[in-house]
Amino acid sequence: MHWLWVIIVGLVVGIIAKAVTPGKEAMGWIITAILGIAGSFISTFVGEKLGWWPEAGFMHFIGSIIGAVVLLVIYHALFRRDAAS
């Protein structure tokens, strides 16, 4: 049940991360949701293993948003379209 909650929160986190990340984005909601879920998974795994936060709580949610924003920035750096092409 815990990981199902991570997926649901990941969808919300992806939307928040997309709104927080600067720049014009041409990606759809599916990529946003996948990046949000991945950020939430990474944040959950790293945060819990390092003892930064428990399985649930507000800091866990904030950590998930930060993880998704980092993944969005990496995504934009890797798949940026040049204005000239």
PDB file of N, CA and C in Angstrom:
ATOM      1  N   MET A   1       0.831  -1.195   0.000  1.00  0.00           N
ATOM      2  CA  MET A   1       0.000   0.000   0.000  1.00  0.00           C
ATOM      3  C   MET A   1       0.866   1.245   0.000  1.00  0.00           C
ATOM      4  N   HIS A   2       2.022   1.155   0.653  1.00  0.00           N
ATOM      5  CA  HIS A   2       2.920   2.311   0.723  1.00  0.00           C
ATOM      6  C   HIS A   2       3.362   2.751  -0.672  1.00  0.00           C
ATOM      7  N   TRP A   3       3.739   1.794  -1.533  1.00  0.00           N
ATOM      8  CA  TRP A   3       4.225   2.161  -2.860  1.00  0.00           C
ATOM      9  C   TRP A   3       3.094   2.647  -3.759  1.00  0.00           C
ATOM     10  N   LEU A   4       1.879   2.199  -3.553  1.00  0.00           N
ATOM     11  CA  LEU A   4       0.742   2.737  -4.298  1.00  0.00           C
ATOM     12  C   LEU A   4       0.552   4.207  -3.963  1.00  0.00           C
ATOM     13  N   TRP A   5       0.700   4.549  -2.712  1.00  0.00           N
ATOM     14  CA  TRP A   5       0.608   5.939  -2.283  1.00  0.00           C
ATOM     15  C   TRP A   5       1.732   6.769  -2.915  1.00  0.00           C
ATOM     16  N   VAL A   6       2.922   6.196  -3.027  1.00  0.00           N
ATOM     17  CA  VAL A   6       4.043   6.889  -3.664  1.00  0.00           C
ATOM     18  C   VAL A   6       3.707   7.203  -5.122  1.00  0.00           C
ATOM     19  N   ILE A   7       3.060   6.281  -5.812  1.00  0.00           N
ATOM     20  CA  ILE A   7       2.683   6.509  -7.207  1.00  0.00           C
ATOM     21  C   ILE A   7       1.638   7.610  -7.314  1.00  0.00           C
ATOM     22  N   ILE A   8       0.636   7.577  -6.463  1.00  0.00           N
ATOM     23  CA  ILE A   8      -0.413   8.598  -6.498  1.00  0.00           C
ATOM     24  C   ILE A   8       0.168   9.973  -6.185  1.00  0.00           C
ATOM     25  N   VAL A   9       0.986  10.042  -5.161  1.00  0.00           N
ATOM     26  CA  VAL A   9       1.622  11.309  -4.814  1.00  0.00           C
ATOM     27  C   VAL A   9       2.567  11.738  -5.938  1.00  0.00           C
ATOM     28  N   GLY A  10       3.215  10.774  -6.587  1.00  0.00           N
ATOM     29  CA  GLY A  10       4.104  11.086  -7.698  1.00  0.00           C
ATOM     30  C   GLY A  10       3.405  11.785  -8.841  1.00  0.00           C
ATOM     31  N   LEU A  11       2.171  11.409  -9.115  1.00  0.00           N
ATOM     32  CA  LEU A  11       1.405  12.106 -10.155  1.00  0.00           C
ATOM     33  C   LEU A  11       1.189  13.574  -9.794  1.00  0.00           C
ATOM     34  N   VAL A  12       0.821  13.817  -8.559  1.00  0.00           N
ATOM     35  CA  VAL A  12       0.620  15.190  -8.089  1.00  0.00           C
ATOM     36  C   VAL A  12       1.943  15.943  -8.077  1.00  0.00           C
ATOM     37  N   VAL A  13       2.995  15.277  -7.628  1.00  0.00           N
ATOM     38  CA  VAL A  13       4.319  15.889  -7.562  1.00  0.00           C
ATOM     39  C   VAL A  13       4.800  16.290  -8.951  1.00  0.00           C
ATOM     40  N   GLY A  14       4.551  15.460  -9.953  1.00  0.00           N
ATOM     41  CA  GLY A  14       4.941  15.792 -11.326  1.00  0.00           C
ATOM     42  C   GLY A  14       4.296  17.066 -11.813  1.00  0.00           C
ATOM     43  N   ILE A  15       3.039  17.239 -11.502  1.00  0.00           N
ATOM     44  CA  ILE A  15       2.330  18.460 -11.899  1.00  0.00           C
ATOM     45  C   ILE A  15       2.897  19.675 -11.174  1.00  0.00           C
ATOM     46  N   ILE A  16       3.149  19.540  -9.891  1.00  0.00           N
ATOM     47  CA  ILE A  16       3.732  20.651  -9.115  1.00  0.00           C
ATOM     48  C   ILE A  16       5.129  20.968  -9.612  1.00  0.00           C
ATOM     49  N   ALA A  17       5.941  19.941  -9.864  1.00  0.00           N
ATOM     50  CA  ALA A  17       7.311  20.160 -10.332  1.00  0.00           C
ATOM     51  C   ALA A  17       7.321  20.858 -11.688  1.00  0.00           C
ATOM     52  N   LYS A  18       6.387  20.503 -12.557  1.00  0.00           N
ATOM     53  CA  LYS A  18       6.309  21.152 -13.866  1.00  0.00           C
ATOM     54  C   LYS A  18       5.934  22.616 -13.712  1.00  0.00           C
ATOM     55  N   ALA A  19       5.065  22.916 -12.764  1.00  0.00           N
ATOM     56  CA  ALA A  19       4.669  24.306 -12.528  1.00  0.00           C
ATOM     57  C   ALA A  19       5.800  25.118 -11.912  1.00  0.00           C
ATOM     58  N   VAL A  20       6.645  24.483 -11.107  1.00  0.00           N
ATOM     59  CA  VAL A  20       7.733  25.174 -10.417  1.00  0.00           C
ATOM     60  C   VAL A  20       8.953  25.360 -11.318  1.00  0.00           C
ATOM     61  N   THR A  21       9.188  24.407 -12.216  1.00  0.00           N
ATOM     62  CA  THR A  21      10.368  24.452 -13.072  1.00  0.00           C
ATOM     63  C   THR A  21      10.201  25.547 -14.120  1.00  0.00           C
ATOM     64  N   PRO A  22      11.205  26.444 -14.224  1.00  0.00           N
ATOM     65  CA  PRO A  22      11.092  27.535 -15.191  1.00  0.00           C
ATOM     66  C   PRO A  22      11.283  27.052 -16.620  1.00  0.00           C
ATOM     67  N   GLY A  23      10.773  27.840 -17.555  1.00  0.00           N
ATOM     68  CA  GLY A  23      10.953  27.538 -18.968  1.00  0.00           C
ATOM     69  C   GLY A  23       9.695  26.974 -19.593  1.00  0.00           C
ATOM     70  N   LYS A  24       9.663  27.087 -20.917  1.00  0.00           N
ATOM     71  CA  LYS A  24       8.530  26.562 -21.674  1.00  0.00           C
ATOM     72  C   LYS A  24       8.762  25.080 -21.930  1.00  0.00           C
ATOM     73  N   GLU A  25       7.777  24.283 -21.634  1.00  0.00           N
ATOM     74  CA  GLU A  25       7.898  22.843 -21.780  1.00  0.00           C
ATOM     75  C   GLU A  25       6.896  22.342 -22.805  1.00  0.00           C
ATOM     76  N   ALA A  26       7.392  21.537 -23.726  1.00  0.00           N
ATOM     77  CA  ALA A  26       6.533  21.004 -24.776  1.00  0.00           C
ATOM     78  C   ALA A  26       6.204  19.530 -24.541  1.00  0.00           C
ATOM     79  N   MET A  27       6.398  19.062 -23.321  1.00  0.00           N
ATOM     80  CA  MET A  27       6.114  17.656 -23.052  1.00  0.00           C
ATOM     81  C   MET A  27       4.687  17.502 -22.527  1.00  0.00           C
ATOM     82  N   GLY A  28       4.159  16.327 -22.734  1.00  0.00           N
ATOM     83  CA  GLY A  28       2.793  16.060 -22.317  1.00  0.00           C
ATOM     84  C   GLY A  28       2.689  15.643 -20.863  1.00  0.00           C
ATOM     85  N   TRP A  29       1.471  15.370 -20.467  1.00  0.00           N
ATOM     86  CA  TRP A  29       1.227  15.034 -19.069  1.00  0.00           C
ATOM     87  C   TRP A  29       1.744  13.644 -18.727  1.00  0.00           C
ATOM     88  N   ILE A  30       1.894  12.776 -19.724  1.00  0.00           N
ATOM     89  CA  ILE A  30       2.393  11.430 -19.447  1.00  0.00           C
ATOM     90  C   ILE A  30       3.853  11.486 -19.008  1.00  0.00           C
ATOM     91  N   ILE A  31       4.679  12.234 -19.727  1.00  0.00           N
ATOM     92  CA  ILE A  31       6.086  12.386 -19.346  1.00  0.00           C
ATOM     93  C   ILE A  31       6.176  13.079 -17.992  1.00  0.00           C
ATOM     94  N   THR A  32       5.338  14.093 -17.777  1.00  0.00           N
ATOM     95  CA  THR A  32       5.316  14.786 -16.489  1.00  0.00           C
ATOM     96  C   THR A  32       4.990  13.821 -15.356  1.00  0.00           C
ATOM     97  N   ALA A  33       3.987  12.980 -15.568  1.00  0.00           N
ATOM     98  CA  ALA A  33       3.599  12.000 -14.545  1.00  0.00           C
ATOM     99  C   ALA A  33       4.715  10.988 -14.295  1.00  0.00           C
ATOM    100  N   ILE A  34       5.352  10.521 -15.360  1.00  0.00           N
ATOM    101  CA  ILE A  34       6.435   9.549 -15.206  1.00  0.00           C
ATOM    102  C   ILE A  34       7.599  10.158 -14.436  1.00  0.00           C
ATOM    103  N   LEU A  35       7.974  11.396 -14.763  1.00  0.00           N
ATOM    104  CA  LEU A  35       9.063  12.061 -14.049  1.00  0.00           C
ATOM    105  C   LEU A  35       8.684  12.323 -12.589  1.00  0.00           C
ATOM    106  N   GLY A  36       7.441  12.668 -12.345  1.00  0.00           N
ATOM    107  CA  GLY A  36       6.981  12.868 -10.972  1.00  0.00           C
ATOM    108  C   GLY A  36       7.018  11.591 -10.159  1.00  0.00           C
ATOM    109  N   ILE A  37       6.577  10.495 -10.756  1.00  0.00           N
ATOM    110  CA  ILE A  37       6.605   9.206 -10.074  1.00  0.00           C
ATOM    111  C   ILE A  37       8.044   8.776  -9.831  1.00  0.00           C
ATOM    112  N   ALA A  38       8.910   8.953 -10.840  1.00  0.00           N
ATOM    113  CA  ALA A  38      10.319   8.582 -10.674  1.00  0.00           C
ATOM    114  C   ALA A  38      10.977   9.430  -9.585  1.00  0.00           C
ATOM    115  N   GLY A  39      10.692  10.723  -9.567  1.00  0.00           N
ATOM    116  CA  GLY A  39      11.237  11.586  -8.523  1.00  0.00           C
ATOM    117  C   GLY A  39      10.750  11.189  -7.142  1.00  0.00           C
ATOM    118  N   SER A  40       9.506  10.798  -7.066  1.00  0.00           N
ATOM    119  CA  SER A  40       8.943  10.352  -5.802  1.00  0.00           C
ATOM    120  C   SER A  40       9.575   9.040  -5.345  1.00  0.00           C
ATOM    121  N   PHE A  41       9.774   8.100  -6.274  1.00  0.00           N
ATOM    122  CA  PHE A  41      10.434   6.843  -5.938  1.00  0.00           C
ATOM    123  C   PHE A  41      11.858   7.082  -5.453  1.00  0.00           C
ATOM    124  N   ILE A  42      12.607   7.891  -6.193  1.00  0.00           N
ATOM    125  CA  ILE A  42      13.994   8.169  -5.809  1.00  0.00           C
ATOM    126  C   ILE A  42      14.050   8.848  -4.453  1.00  0.00           C
ATOM    127  N   SER A  43      13.199   9.843  -4.268  1.00  0.00           N
ATOM    128  CA  SER A  43      13.164  10.556  -2.993  1.00  0.00           C
ATOM    129  C   SER A  43      12.783   9.627  -1.848  1.00  0.00           C
ATOM    130  N   THR A  44      11.817   8.762  -2.084  1.00  0.00           N
ATOM    131  CA  THR A  44      11.388   7.818  -1.053  1.00  0.00           C
ATOM    132  C   THR A  44      12.528   6.887  -0.680  1.00  0.00           C
ATOM    133  N   PHE A  45      13.160   6.300  -1.670  1.00  0.00           N
ATOM    134  CA  PHE A  45      14.226   5.339  -1.413  1.00  0.00           C
ATOM    135  C   PHE A  45      15.411   6.001  -0.706  1.00  0.00           C
ATOM    136  N   VAL A  46      15.907   7.097  -1.261  1.00  0.00           N
ATOM    137  CA  VAL A  46      17.083   7.765  -0.698  1.00  0.00           C
ATOM    138  C   VAL A  46      16.775   8.361   0.672  1.00  0.00           C
ATOM    139  N   GLY A  47      15.666   9.063   0.782  1.00  0.00           N
ATOM    140  CA  GLY A  47      15.324   9.719   2.044  1.00  0.00           C
ATOM    141  C   GLY A  47      15.113   8.761   3.198  1.00  0.00           C
ATOM    142  N   GLU A  48      14.446   7.650   2.916  1.00  0.00           N
ATOM    143  CA  GLU A  48      14.208   6.668   3.974  1.00  0.00           C
ATOM    144  C   GLU A  48      15.477   5.909   4.333  1.00  0.00           C
ATOM    145  N   LYS A  49      16.289   5.563   3.350  1.00  0.00           N
ATOM    146  CA  LYS A  49      17.522   4.814   3.627  1.00  0.00           C
ATOM    147  C   LYS A  49      18.538   5.659   4.385  1.00  0.00           C
ATOM    148  N   LEU A  50      18.580   6.971   4.104  1.00  0.00           N
ATOM    149  CA  LEU A  50      19.510   7.854   4.806  1.00  0.00           C
ATOM    150  C   LEU A  50      18.934   8.375   6.121  1.00  0.00           C
ATOM    151  N   GLY A  51      17.668   8.065   6.379  1.00  0.00           N
ATOM    152  CA  GLY A  51      17.044   8.481   7.628  1.00  0.00           C
ATOM    153  C   GLY A  51      16.655   9.952   7.668  1.00  0.00           C
ATOM    154  N   TRP A  52      16.460  10.545   6.504  1.00  0.00           N
ATOM    155  CA  TRP A  52      16.086  11.958   6.455  1.00  0.00           C
ATOM    156  C   TRP A  52      14.636  12.179   6.853  1.00  0.00           C
ATOM    157  N   TRP A  53      13.757  11.211   6.550  1.00  0.00           N
ATOM    158  CA  TRP A  53      12.346  11.321   6.913  1.00  0.00           C
ATOM    159  C   TRP A  53      11.724   9.935   7.026  1.00  0.00           C
ATOM    160  N   PRO A  54      10.581   9.855   7.720  1.00  0.00           N
ATOM    161  CA  PRO A  54       9.877   8.564   7.826  1.00  0.00           C
ATOM    162  C   PRO A  54       9.138   8.251   6.526  1.00  0.00           C
ATOM    163  N   GLU A  55       8.354   7.180   6.527  1.00  0.00           N
ATOM    164  CA  GLU A  55       7.650   6.755   5.319  1.00  0.00           C
ATOM    165  C   GLU A  55       6.599   7.745   4.841  1.00  0.00           C
ATOM    166  N   ALA A  56       6.082   8.565   5.698  1.00  0.00           N
ATOM    167  CA  ALA A  56       5.045   9.516   5.302  1.00  0.00           C
ATOM    168  C   ALA A  56       5.268  10.827   6.042  1.00  0.00           C
ATOM    169  N   GLY A  57       4.678  11.871   5.517  1.00  0.00           N
ATOM    170  CA  GLY A  57       4.773  13.155   6.181  1.00  0.00           C
ATOM    171  C   GLY A  57       5.037  14.283   5.198  1.00  0.00           C
ATOM    172  N   PHE A  58       4.998  15.490   5.714  1.00  0.00           N
ATOM    173  CA  PHE A  58       5.158  16.677   4.878  1.00  0.00           C
ATOM    174  C   PHE A  58       6.552  16.761   4.271  1.00  0.00           C
ATOM    175  N   MET A  59       7.588  16.439   5.035  1.00  0.00           N
ATOM    176  CA  MET A  59       8.956  16.504   4.501  1.00  0.00           C
ATOM    177  C   MET A  59       9.154  15.478   3.380  1.00  0.00           C
ATOM    178  N   HIS A  60       8.481  14.363   3.472  1.00  0.00           N
ATOM    179  CA  HIS A  60       8.532  13.362   2.415  1.00  0.00           C
ATOM    180  C   HIS A  60       7.941  13.941   1.127  1.00  0.00           C
ATOM    181  N   PHE A  61       6.843  14.663   1.235  1.00  0.00           N
ATOM    182  CA  PHE A  61       6.203  15.281   0.087  1.00  0.00           C
ATOM    183  C   PHE A  61       7.102  16.335  -0.540  1.00  0.00           C
ATOM    184  N   ILE A  62       7.712  17.172   0.286  1.00  0.00           N
ATOM    185  CA  ILE A  62       8.632  18.207  -0.211  1.00  0.00           C
ATOM    186  C   ILE A  62       9.836  17.548  -0.885  1.00  0.00           C
ATOM    187  N   GLY A  63      10.362  16.487  -0.299  1.00  0.00           N
ATOM    188  CA  GLY A  63      11.478  15.760  -0.901  1.00  0.00           C
ATOM    189  C   GLY A  63      11.103  15.174  -2.252  1.00  0.00           C
ATOM    190  N   SER A  64       9.882  14.711  -2.387  1.00  0.00           N
ATOM    191  CA  SER A  64       9.408  14.178  -3.662  1.00  0.00           C
ATOM    192  C   SER A  64       9.347  15.270  -4.722  1.00  0.00           C
ATOM    193  N   ILE A  65       8.900  16.447  -4.343  1.00  0.00           N
ATOM    194  CA  ILE A  65       8.860  17.570  -5.284  1.00  0.00           C
ATOM    195  C   ILE A  65      10.277  17.931  -5.727  1.00  0.00           C
ATOM    196  N   ILE A  66      11.204  17.996  -4.786  1.00  0.00           N
ATOM    197  CA  ILE A  66      12.593  18.321  -5.125  1.00  0.00           C
ATOM    198  C   ILE A  66      13.180  17.252  -6.054  1.00  0.00           C
ATOM    199  N   GLY A  67      12.909  15.991  -5.777  1.00  0.00           N
ATOM    200  CA  GLY A  67      13.382  14.912  -6.648  1.00  0.00           C
ATOM    201  C   GLY A  67      12.826  15.030  -8.056  1.00  0.00           C
ATOM    202  N   ALA A  68      11.552  15.359  -8.183  1.00  0.00           N
ATOM    203  CA  ALA A  68      10.937  15.506  -9.500  1.00  0.00           C
ATOM    204  C   ALA A  68      11.488  16.725 -10.235  1.00  0.00           C
ATOM    205  N   VAL A  69      11.733  17.823  -9.521  1.00  0.00           N
ATOM    206  CA  VAL A  69      12.307  19.019 -10.153  1.00  0.00           C
ATOM    207  C   VAL A  69      13.706  18.703 -10.680  1.00  0.00           C
ATOM    208  N   VAL A  70      14.492  17.987  -9.900  1.00  0.00           N
ATOM    209  CA  VAL A  70      15.836  17.607 -10.350  1.00  0.00           C
ATOM    210  C   VAL A  70      15.745  16.753 -11.616  1.00  0.00           C
ATOM    211  N   LEU A  71      14.824  15.807 -11.642  1.00  0.00           N
ATOM    212  CA  LEU A  71      14.659  14.983 -12.843  1.00  0.00           C
ATOM    213  C   LEU A  71      14.182  15.804 -14.036  1.00  0.00           C
ATOM    214  N   LEU A  72      13.316  16.786 -13.817  1.00  0.00           N
ATOM    215  CA  LEU A  72      12.880  17.655 -14.904  1.00  0.00           C
ATOM    216  C   LEU A  72      14.037  18.473 -15.459  1.00  0.00           C
ATOM    217  N   VAL A  73      14.886  18.983 -14.598  1.00  0.00           N
ATOM    218  CA  VAL A  73      16.041  19.753 -15.044  1.00  0.00           C
ATOM    219  C   VAL A  73      16.981  18.859 -15.863  1.00  0.00           C
ATOM    220  N   ILE A  74      17.206  17.642 -15.391  1.00  0.00           N
ATOM    221  CA  ILE A  74      18.047  16.697 -16.138  1.00  0.00           C
ATOM    222  C   ILE A  74      17.401  16.366 -17.479  1.00  0.00           C
ATOM    223  N   TYR A  75      16.099  16.148 -17.474  1.00  0.00           N
ATOM    224  CA  TYR A  75      15.368  15.855 -18.715  1.00  0.00           C
ATOM    225  C   TYR A  75      15.527  16.985 -19.721  1.00  0.00           C
ATOM    226  N   HIS A  76      15.375  18.229 -19.249  1.00  0.00           N
ATOM    227  CA  HIS A  76      15.518  19.371 -20.150  1.00  0.00           C
ATOM    228  C   HIS A  76      16.948  19.507 -20.660  1.00  0.00           C
ATOM    229  N   ALA A  77      17.929  19.203 -19.833  1.00  0.00           N
ATOM    230  CA  ALA A  77      19.323  19.286 -20.269  1.00  0.00           C
ATOM    231  C   ALA A  77      19.634  18.222 -21.336  1.00  0.00           C
ATOM    232  N   LEU A  78      19.043  17.047 -21.210  1.00  0.00           N
ATOM    233  CA  LEU A  78      19.321  15.977 -22.163  1.00  0.00           C
ATOM    234  C   LEU A  78      18.524  16.082 -23.452  1.00  0.00           C
ATOM    235  N   PHE A  79      17.282  16.528 -23.351  1.00  0.00           N
ATOM    236  CA  PHE A  79      16.392  16.520 -24.519  1.00  0.00           C
ATOM    237  C   PHE A  79      15.981  17.915 -24.956  1.00  0.00           C
ATOM    238  N   ARG A  80      16.839  18.879 -24.732  1.00  0.00           N
ATOM    239  CA  ARG A  80      16.537  20.266 -25.125  1.00  0.00           C
ATOM    240  C   ARG A  80      16.583  20.368 -26.648  1.00  0.00           C
ATOM    241  N   ARG A  81      15.613  21.047 -27.197  1.00  0.00           N
ATOM    242  CA  ARG A  81      15.589  21.289 -28.638  1.00  0.00           C
ATOM    243  C   ARG A  81      16.225  22.638 -28.892  1.00  0.00           C
ATOM    244  N   ASP A  82      17.126  22.665 -29.828  1.00  0.00           N
ATOM    245  CA  ASP A  82      17.773  23.933 -30.182  1.00  0.00           C
ATOM    246  C   ASP A  82      16.794  24.798 -30.962  1.00  0.00           C
ATOM    247  N   ALA A  83      16.896  26.122 -30.746  1.00  0.00           N
ATOM    248  CA  ALA A  83      16.020  27.065 -31.431  1.00  0.00           C
ATOM    249  C   ALA A  83      16.344  27.130 -32.917  1.00  0.00           C
ATOM    250  N   ALA A  84      17.586  26.822 -33.302  1.00  0.00           N
ATOM    251  CA  ALA A  84      18.006  26.912 -34.698  1.00  0.00           C
ATOM    252  C   ALA A  84      17.478  25.747 -35.531  1.00  0.00           C
ATOM    253  N   SER A  85      17.189  24.615 -34.928  1.00  0.00           N
ATOM    254  CA  SER A  85      16.764  23.471 -35.740  1.00  0.00           C
ATOM    255  C   SER A  85      15.283  23.343 -35.842  1.00  0.00           C
TER     256      SER A  85
END
